[in-house]
Amino acid sequence: MKILFLANRIPYPPFRGDKLKIYNLGRRIEAQHHVYLIAFVEKKSELRYKPELDKIFKEVILVYQPKWKSWFNSALNFLGRMPFQLAYFKSKRMHQVLADFLRRQPIDVIHTQHLRMSQYTSHMKDVPRILDLPDAYSLYWQRRKQVKRPLVNRVFDSLESGRVVEAEKIIYKYDLNLVCSVEDRDHLLSIHPGSKVGLLRNGVDLETFAFSKHDYGRNQTLLFTGNMDYAPNVDAVIYFVEELLPVIQKSFPQTRLVIAGQRPVKSVLDLACESVEVTGFVKDISEMYQHADVVVAPLRFGAGTQNKVLEAMAMGVPVVCTDIGFKGLEIESGEGVFHARNGDDFVQKVCQLLESKELRERTGQTGLELARTKFSWDGITQQLVDHFTSVVR
């Protein structure tokens, strides 16, 4: 098959989030199929990564759109009906590049990444199309507006949430839509009945996050990873440091939290103190997991599954997380990850792990086995190929 990936961000370097997915899927699919890539870049410096992507994709086209233009698009849309997330990625140039490419290169199926990019392929009828959301965006915004935040944030969240629900109706125009968990699928089917929604789990690269051995004898370092300008992550670490960590330290005074992730915003940098380290960008995040005793994921809004949880499982590190990040895993609490239903429960489960070397090791090893059998990119790639085959006419 000839497969076109249409992405909202250049999938290299494959450090976090949506970049990881396209990179890992593409480099596995290309062994048996012809894969192509069209993606946005917002910095000219990102163009230097094209040679790395040329090793995977038969053709790579990068469309430069600077941040100022994207923010200008969003501002123009303030009184419009399009979600700001879609307006941010609005581009006449992208429409033209895609049309020119399809005129000269026959494609069997298009993989459109994220609701943000649906504006470029929803109208097409002569080529099979899959929309990989990858989570229910309306569920993300529904949860976001329920969290107590400053008034201006809550007003914006309410406005964007309504727009996203309307924009999400575009899924009816696709041959198939993919989300990463049953929870997200069921949510979409409940508000958009009759739409075609399938599953494509998030995965973990077992080469990058390769387990060798882990020292379960330590018991004082907690780890949180992720892009630290991403609103759910920012909210999570502030919440954890201000409300949960002090309670944990009453029982385990030496406990420290490491916040590892690129682009930390000021409110995250301000958390740094004797017991909280903010690392900023880490080239090899797997090293951070090797030195962690427990990974915490106290997210209060979001959707889908969390890379930080899957990576920790692959490294044999026990995890404690909230509904956000747990429900999408389709596992039982304690199978590598403990499910915390509220703040008190979160503290209790972290303390239980800090108290017991045996529990840390048993939980970590169970998660490792699940990462290898359920969340390997190799198996997930085959699922995507099967989805492609199902829609090709």
Protein backbone atom coordinates (compact mmCIF):
# COMPACT_ATOMS: atom_id res chain seq x y z
CA MET A 1 0.00 0.00 0.00
CA LYS A 2 0.93 3.64 -0.49
CA ILE A 3 0.17 5.40 2.79
CA LEU A 4 0.27 9.13 3.45
CA PHE A 5 0.73 10.39 7.01
CA LEU A 6 -0.56 13.93 7.47
CA ALA A 7 0.78 15.28 10.78
CA ASN A 8 0.32 18.47 12.75
CA ARG A 9 3.95 18.40 13.95
CA ILE A 10 7.18 17.05 12.52
CA PRO A 11 7.63 13.63 14.16
CA TYR A 12 11.28 14.15 15.00
CA PRO A 13 13.00 14.13 17.42
CA PRO A 14 10.55 11.53 18.78
CA PHE A 15 10.68 12.68 22.38
CA ARG A 16 7.06 12.97 23.46
CA GLY A 17 3.39 12.74 22.53
CA ASP A 18 2.17 12.81 18.95
CA LYS A 19 5.72 12.84 17.55
CA LEU A 20 6.40 9.46 19.13
CA LYS A 21 3.39 7.86 17.53
CA ILE A 22 3.97 8.83 13.90
CA TYR A 23 7.70 8.11 14.14
CA ASN A 24 7.28 4.64 15.64
CA LEU A 25 4.42 3.64 13.34
CA GLY A 26 6.14 4.98 10.22
CA ARG A 27 9.48 3.28 10.77
CA ARG A 28 7.79 -0.08 11.24
CA ILE A 29 5.26 0.15 8.41
CA GLU A 30 7.88 1.18 5.83
CA ALA A 31 9.36 -2.33 5.91
CA GLN A 32 6.40 -3.63 3.87
CA HIS A 33 4.64 -0.55 2.50
CA HIS A 34 5.43 2.80 0.89
CA VAL A 35 4.94 5.59 3.43
CA TYR A 36 4.90 9.34 2.81
CA LEU A 37 4.80 12.27 5.21
CA ILE A 38 3.45 15.82 5.06
CA ALA A 39 3.81 17.76 8.31
CA PHE A 40 3.98 21.24 9.78
CA VAL A 41 7.10 22.80 11.23
CA GLU A 42 6.92 26.02 13.25
CA LYS A 43 10.67 26.68 13.41
CA LYS A 44 13.02 26.76 10.42
CA SER A 45 15.59 24.98 12.60
CA GLU A 46 13.33 21.91 12.51
CA LEU A 47 14.01 21.51 8.80
CA ARG A 48 17.38 20.01 9.70
CA TYR A 49 15.60 16.85 10.85
CA LYS A 50 14.34 16.03 7.36
CA PRO A 51 17.30 13.69 6.57
CA GLU A 52 16.35 11.52 9.56
CA LEU A 53 12.78 11.23 8.29
CA ASP A 54 13.99 10.54 4.74
CA LYS A 55 15.36 7.26 6.11
CA ILE A 56 11.78 6.18 6.83
CA PHE A 57 9.45 7.92 4.39
CA LYS A 58 9.72 7.74 0.60
CA GLU A 59 8.95 11.44 0.46
CA VAL A 60 8.86 14.05 3.20
CA ILE A 61 7.25 17.48 2.73
CA LEU A 62 7.55 19.97 5.58
CA VAL A 63 5.30 23.03 5.58
CA TYR A 64 6.73 25.94 7.54
CA GLN A 65 4.26 28.03 9.49
CA PRO A 66 5.77 30.26 12.21
CA LYS A 67 4.15 30.52 15.62
CA TRP A 68 3.22 34.17 15.12
CA LYS A 69 1.08 33.26 12.12
CA SER A 70 -0.64 30.45 13.99
CA TRP A 71 -1.40 32.73 16.92
CA PHE A 72 -2.66 35.36 14.47
CA ASN A 73 -5.00 32.75 12.95
CA SER A 74 -6.30 31.94 16.42
CA ALA A 75 -6.88 35.59 17.24
CA LEU A 76 -8.84 36.12 14.01
CA ASN A 77 -11.01 33.19 14.99
CA PHE A 78 -12.03 34.63 18.38
CA LEU A 79 -15.53 35.45 17.18
CA GLY A 80 -15.71 32.48 14.83
CA ARG A 81 -16.96 28.94 15.40
CA MET A 82 -13.82 26.91 14.72
CA PRO A 83 -12.00 25.59 17.81
CA PHE A 84 -8.83 27.56 18.48
CA GLN A 85 -6.86 24.31 18.19
CA LEU A 86 -7.97 23.98 14.56
CA ALA A 87 -7.59 27.66 13.77
CA TYR A 88 -4.00 27.49 15.02
CA PHE A 89 -3.19 24.98 12.27
CA LYS A 90 -5.13 26.74 9.49
CA SER A 91 -2.97 27.15 6.38
CA LYS A 92 -3.68 27.83 2.71
CA ARG A 93 -0.17 26.60 2.01
CA MET A 94 -0.92 23.19 3.55
CA HIS A 95 -4.08 22.85 1.45
CA GLN A 96 -2.07 23.60 -1.71
CA VAL A 97 0.84 21.29 -0.82
CA LEU A 98 -1.51 18.40 -0.10
CA ALA A 99 -3.50 18.93 -3.30
CA ASP A 100 -0.33 19.11 -5.41
CA PHE A 101 1.06 15.96 -3.81
CA LEU A 102 -2.12 13.94 -4.41
CA ARG A 103 -2.27 15.04 -8.04
CA ARG A 104 1.15 13.57 -8.80
CA GLN A 105 1.27 10.66 -6.33
CA PRO A 106 -1.55 8.08 -6.18
CA ILE A 107 -2.22 7.14 -2.55
CA ASP A 108 -4.15 4.13 -1.26
CA VAL A 109 -5.04 5.59 2.14
CA ILE A 110 -4.47 8.77 4.15
CA HIS A 111 -3.74 8.70 7.87
CA THR A 112 -4.78 12.12 9.24
CA GLN A 113 -3.35 12.82 12.66
CA HIS A 114 -5.51 14.65 15.18
CA LEU A 115 -8.75 16.60 14.87
CA ARG A 116 -6.55 19.63 14.16
CA MET A 117 -5.66 18.26 10.71
CA SER A 118 -9.15 17.09 9.75
CA GLN A 119 -9.73 20.43 8.00
CA TYR A 120 -7.43 19.20 5.20
CA THR A 121 -8.95 15.78 4.43
CA SER A 122 -12.58 15.70 5.62
CA HIS A 123 -13.91 16.84 2.23
CA MET A 124 -12.12 14.18 0.18
CA LYS A 125 -14.12 11.36 -1.36
CA ASP A 126 -11.81 9.70 -3.87
CA VAL A 127 -9.27 8.27 -1.40
CA PRO A 128 -9.87 6.22 1.78
CA ARG A 129 -9.14 8.22 4.93
CA ILE A 130 -8.57 7.40 8.57
CA LEU A 131 -8.70 10.09 11.26
CA ASP A 132 -6.45 9.22 14.20
CA LEU A 133 -7.70 11.52 16.94
CA PRO A 134 -5.91 9.81 19.03
CA ASP A 135 -8.13 10.50 22.06
CA ALA A 136 -11.61 11.96 22.42
CA TYR A 137 -10.83 15.66 22.31
CA SER A 138 -14.26 16.58 23.58
CA LEU A 139 -13.65 14.41 26.66
CA TYR A 140 -10.36 16.24 27.26
CA TRP A 141 -12.08 19.63 27.22
CA GLN A 142 -15.03 18.38 29.25
CA ARG A 143 -12.66 17.35 32.02
CA ARG A 144 -10.51 20.44 31.70
CA LYS A 145 -13.37 22.85 32.33
CA GLN A 146 -14.36 20.92 35.48
CA VAL A 147 -11.04 21.62 37.22
CA LYS A 148 -10.96 24.65 39.52
CA ARG A 149 -8.75 27.17 37.76
CA PRO A 150 -8.65 30.98 37.36
CA LEU A 151 -11.83 32.52 35.92
CA VAL A 152 -10.23 33.46 32.59
CA ASN A 153 -9.11 29.85 32.11
CA ARG A 154 -12.54 28.47 32.91
CA VAL A 155 -14.26 30.90 30.50
CA PHE A 156 -11.88 29.90 27.70
CA ASP A 157 -12.24 26.18 28.50
CA SER A 158 -16.03 26.40 28.37
CA LEU A 159 -15.93 28.24 25.03
CA GLU A 160 -13.45 25.82 23.46
CA SER A 161 -15.28 22.77 24.82
CA GLY A 162 -18.49 23.70 23.02
CA ARG A 163 -16.67 24.38 19.78
CA VAL A 164 -14.80 21.08 19.94
CA VAL A 165 -18.00 19.05 20.35
CA GLU A 166 -19.37 20.65 17.18
CA ALA A 167 -16.13 20.29 15.25
CA GLU A 168 -15.85 16.65 16.28
CA LYS A 169 -18.94 15.84 14.19
CA ILE A 170 -16.53 15.79 11.27
CA ILE A 171 -15.75 12.18 12.23
CA TYR A 172 -18.89 11.13 10.31
CA LYS A 173 -17.04 12.03 7.09
CA TYR A 174 -14.21 9.53 7.62
CA ASP A 175 -14.07 5.86 6.69
CA LEU A 176 -12.74 5.14 10.17
CA ASN A 177 -11.75 7.11 13.26
CA LEU A 178 -9.22 5.82 15.78
CA VAL A 179 -8.79 6.47 19.50
CA CYS A 180 -6.39 4.92 21.97
CA SER A 181 -8.78 3.54 24.60
CA VAL A 182 -12.20 1.99 25.11
CA GLU A 183 -13.11 4.91 27.37
CA ASP A 184 -12.46 7.41 24.56
CA ARG A 185 -14.29 5.24 22.01
CA ASP A 186 -17.35 4.90 24.22
CA HIS A 187 -17.42 8.64 24.85
CA LEU A 188 -17.36 9.44 21.13
CA LEU A 189 -20.04 6.91 20.33
CA SER A 190 -22.27 8.34 23.07
CA ILE A 191 -22.17 11.91 21.72
CA HIS A 192 -21.75 11.01 18.03
CA PRO A 193 -23.90 7.87 17.65
CA GLY A 194 -23.46 5.92 14.46
CA SER A 195 -19.92 7.16 13.80
CA LYS A 196 -17.23 4.63 12.92
CA VAL A 197 -14.74 4.50 15.77
CA GLY A 198 -12.03 1.88 16.26
CA LEU A 199 -9.13 1.33 18.66
CA LEU A 200 -5.43 1.93 18.17
CA ARG A 201 -3.64 1.86 21.51
CA ASN A 202 -0.70 4.04 22.34
CA GLY A 203 2.52 2.10 22.52
CA VAL A 204 5.99 2.21 23.97
CA ASP A 205 9.30 1.72 22.19
CA LEU A 206 10.86 -1.27 23.94
CA GLU A 207 14.21 -0.45 22.35
CA THR A 208 14.42 3.07 23.75
CA PHE A 209 12.89 2.01 27.05
CA ALA A 210 14.74 -1.27 27.41
CA PHE A 211 14.65 -2.90 30.83
CA SER A 212 17.91 -4.41 32.04
CA LYS A 213 17.73 -4.21 35.80
CA HIS A 214 16.24 -1.87 38.36
CA ASP A 215 17.30 -1.16 41.91
CA TYR A 216 14.13 -1.59 43.94
CA GLY A 217 16.06 -1.07 47.18
CA ARG A 218 15.78 2.72 47.18
CA ASN A 219 12.57 4.35 48.37
CA GLN A 220 12.68 8.13 48.17
CA THR A 221 12.60 9.40 44.56
CA LEU A 222 9.32 10.14 42.81
CA LEU A 223 9.30 11.02 39.10
CA PHE A 224 6.96 12.94 36.83
CA THR A 225 7.76 13.20 33.11
CA GLY A 226 6.19 15.04 30.19
CA ASN A 227 6.20 18.26 28.20
CA MET A 228 6.11 20.90 30.91
CA ASP A 229 4.28 23.54 28.91
CA TYR A 230 1.32 21.18 28.40
CA ALA A 231 -1.60 22.35 30.53
CA PRO A 232 -2.57 18.96 32.08
CA ASN A 233 1.07 18.33 33.09
CA VAL A 234 1.51 21.82 34.54
CA ASP A 235 -1.69 21.49 36.56
CA ALA A 236 -0.70 17.99 37.74
CA VAL A 237 2.71 18.90 39.15
CA ILE A 238 1.46 22.07 40.85
CA TYR A 239 -1.38 20.09 42.42
CA PHE A 240 0.98 17.31 43.51
CA VAL A 241 3.63 19.61 45.01
CA GLU A 242 1.16 21.87 46.80
CA GLU A 243 -1.35 19.31 48.08
CA LEU A 244 -0.01 15.74 47.99
CA LEU A 245 3.77 15.81 48.43
CA PRO A 246 3.65 17.52 51.86
CA VAL A 247 1.35 14.76 53.13
CA ILE A 248 3.64 12.02 51.77
CA GLN A 249 6.63 13.70 53.43
CA LYS A 250 4.97 13.46 56.84
CA SER A 251 5.55 9.71 56.64
CA PHE A 252 8.63 9.77 54.41
CA PRO A 253 10.47 13.06 55.07
CA GLN A 254 13.32 12.34 52.63
CA THR A 255 11.00 11.92 49.65
CA ARG A 256 11.90 14.10 46.68
CA LEU A 257 10.13 14.73 43.37
CA VAL A 258 11.92 15.02 40.03
CA ILE A 259 9.98 16.83 37.29
CA ALA A 260 11.63 15.88 33.99
CA GLY A 261 10.46 17.38 30.73
CA GLN A 262 11.17 20.01 28.14
CA ARG A 263 9.95 23.62 28.06
CA PRO A 264 8.99 24.05 31.75
CA VAL A 265 6.87 27.17 32.19
CA LYS A 266 7.53 29.66 34.99
CA SER A 267 4.89 28.20 37.30
CA VAL A 268 6.69 24.84 37.07
CA LEU A 269 10.18 26.34 37.49
CA ASP A 270 8.91 28.10 40.60
CA LEU A 271 8.24 24.70 42.23
CA ALA A 272 11.96 23.94 42.45
CA CYS A 273 13.22 23.63 46.02
CA GLU A 274 15.25 21.28 48.20
CA SER A 275 12.80 18.41 47.68
CA VAL A 276 11.64 19.26 44.12
CA GLU A 277 13.97 19.19 41.12
CA VAL A 278 12.94 20.61 37.73
CA THR A 279 15.35 19.27 35.12
CA GLY A 280 14.12 20.86 31.89
CA PHE A 281 14.93 18.97 28.71
CA VAL A 282 16.45 15.52 29.22
CA LYS A 283 18.03 13.89 26.16
CA ASP A 284 17.71 10.32 27.47
CA ILE A 285 14.55 10.19 29.57
CA SER A 286 15.04 6.44 30.15
CA GLU A 287 17.85 7.31 32.58
CA MET A 288 15.36 9.22 34.72
CA TYR A 289 13.18 6.12 35.04
CA GLN A 290 16.20 4.04 36.06
CA HIS A 291 16.72 6.27 39.10
CA ALA A 292 13.06 6.54 40.09
CA ASP A 293 11.36 4.52 42.80
CA VAL A 294 7.77 5.47 41.88
CA VAL A 295 6.40 7.33 38.86
CA VAL A 296 3.48 9.62 39.68
CA ALA A 297 0.84 10.78 37.22
CA PRO A 298 -1.63 12.92 39.21
CA LEU A 299 -3.39 14.36 36.16
CA ARG A 300 -6.76 15.99 36.81
CA PHE A 301 -7.82 16.47 33.19
CA GLY A 302 -6.97 14.97 29.83
CA ALA A 303 -7.97 11.87 27.90
CA GLY A 304 -6.50 8.74 26.36
CA THR A 305 -3.44 7.01 27.78
CA GLN A 306 -0.23 8.64 29.00
CA ASN A 307 3.22 7.98 27.54
CA LYS A 308 4.76 8.54 30.97
CA VAL A 309 2.79 5.57 32.31
CA LEU A 310 3.68 3.24 29.44
CA GLU A 311 7.34 4.21 29.57
CA ALA A 312 7.52 3.56 33.30
CA MET A 313 5.92 0.15 32.81
CA ALA A 314 8.48 -0.72 30.14
CA MET A 315 11.26 0.26 32.55
CA GLY A 316 9.81 -1.85 35.36
CA VAL A 317 8.97 1.14 37.57
CA PRO A 318 5.72 1.12 39.58
CA VAL A 319 3.22 3.89 38.82
CA VAL A 320 0.45 5.65 40.71
CA CYS A 321 -2.02 7.58 38.57
CA THR A 322 -5.49 9.07 38.55
CA ASP A 323 -8.39 8.17 36.25
CA ILE A 324 -6.59 10.14 33.54
CA GLY A 325 -4.05 7.67 32.25
CA PHE A 326 -5.41 4.60 34.02
CA LYS A 327 -8.82 3.85 32.58
CA GLY A 328 -7.47 3.72 29.05
CA LEU A 329 -5.00 0.96 29.95
CA GLU A 330 -7.69 -1.70 30.45
CA ILE A 331 -5.80 -3.34 33.32
CA GLU A 332 -6.50 -3.99 36.99
CA SER A 333 -5.14 -1.64 39.64
CA GLY A 334 -1.77 -2.96 40.78
CA GLU A 335 -0.84 -4.52 37.43
CA GLY A 336 2.14 -2.22 37.06
CA VAL A 337 -0.03 0.80 37.84
CA PHE A 338 -2.05 1.65 40.94
CA HIS A 339 -5.28 3.54 40.30
CA ALA A 340 -5.88 6.42 42.73
CA ARG A 341 -9.47 7.65 42.84
CA ASN A 342 -8.81 10.85 44.81
CA GLY A 343 -6.02 12.77 46.52
CA ASP A 344 -6.11 10.78 49.77
CA ASP A 345 -6.04 7.52 47.82
CA PHE A 346 -3.12 8.80 45.75
CA VAL A 347 -1.08 9.59 48.87
CA GLN A 348 -1.93 6.23 50.42
CA LYS A 349 -0.82 4.24 47.38
CA VAL A 350 2.43 6.17 46.99
CA CYS A 351 3.20 5.59 50.69
CA GLN A 352 2.45 1.88 50.35
CA LEU A 353 4.98 1.63 47.54
CA LEU A 354 7.60 3.68 49.37
CA GLU A 355 7.18 1.44 52.39
CA SER A 356 7.67 -1.91 50.64
CA LYS A 357 10.56 -2.96 48.41
CA GLU A 358 8.70 -6.18 47.63
CA LEU A 359 5.59 -4.30 46.48
CA ARG A 360 7.66 -1.97 44.30
CA GLU A 361 9.41 -4.90 42.64
CA ARG A 362 6.27 -7.00 42.17
CA THR A 363 4.33 -4.08 40.71
CA GLY A 364 7.18 -3.01 38.44
CA GLN A 365 7.75 -6.49 37.06
CA THR A 366 4.04 -6.97 36.35
CA GLY A 367 3.98 -3.69 34.44
CA LEU A 368 7.06 -4.71 32.47
CA GLU A 369 5.40 -7.90 31.28
CA LEU A 370 2.28 -6.00 30.21
CA ALA A 371 4.35 -3.43 28.33
CA ARG A 372 6.01 -6.21 26.38
CA THR A 373 2.84 -8.15 25.57
CA LYS A 374 0.16 -5.44 25.24
CA PHE A 375 1.81 -2.11 24.44
CA SER A 376 4.66 -2.93 22.06
CA TRP A 377 4.71 -0.74 18.94
CA ASP A 378 5.26 -3.84 16.80
CA GLY A 379 1.84 -5.27 17.64
CA ILE A 380 0.14 -1.88 17.46
CA THR A 381 1.63 -1.24 14.03
CA GLN A 382 0.05 -4.42 12.73
CA GLN A 383 -3.30 -3.27 14.11
CA LEU A 384 -2.97 -0.03 12.13
CA VAL A 385 -2.07 -1.91 8.95
CA ASP A 386 -5.20 -4.03 9.46
CA HIS A 387 -7.25 -0.82 9.82
CA PHE A 388 -5.74 0.52 6.59
CA THR A 389 -6.61 -2.71 4.77
CA SER A 390 -10.19 -2.56 6.04
CA VAL A 391 -10.88 0.84 4.47
CA VAL A 392 -8.97 0.51 1.18
CA ARG A 393 -11.53 0.09 -1.57
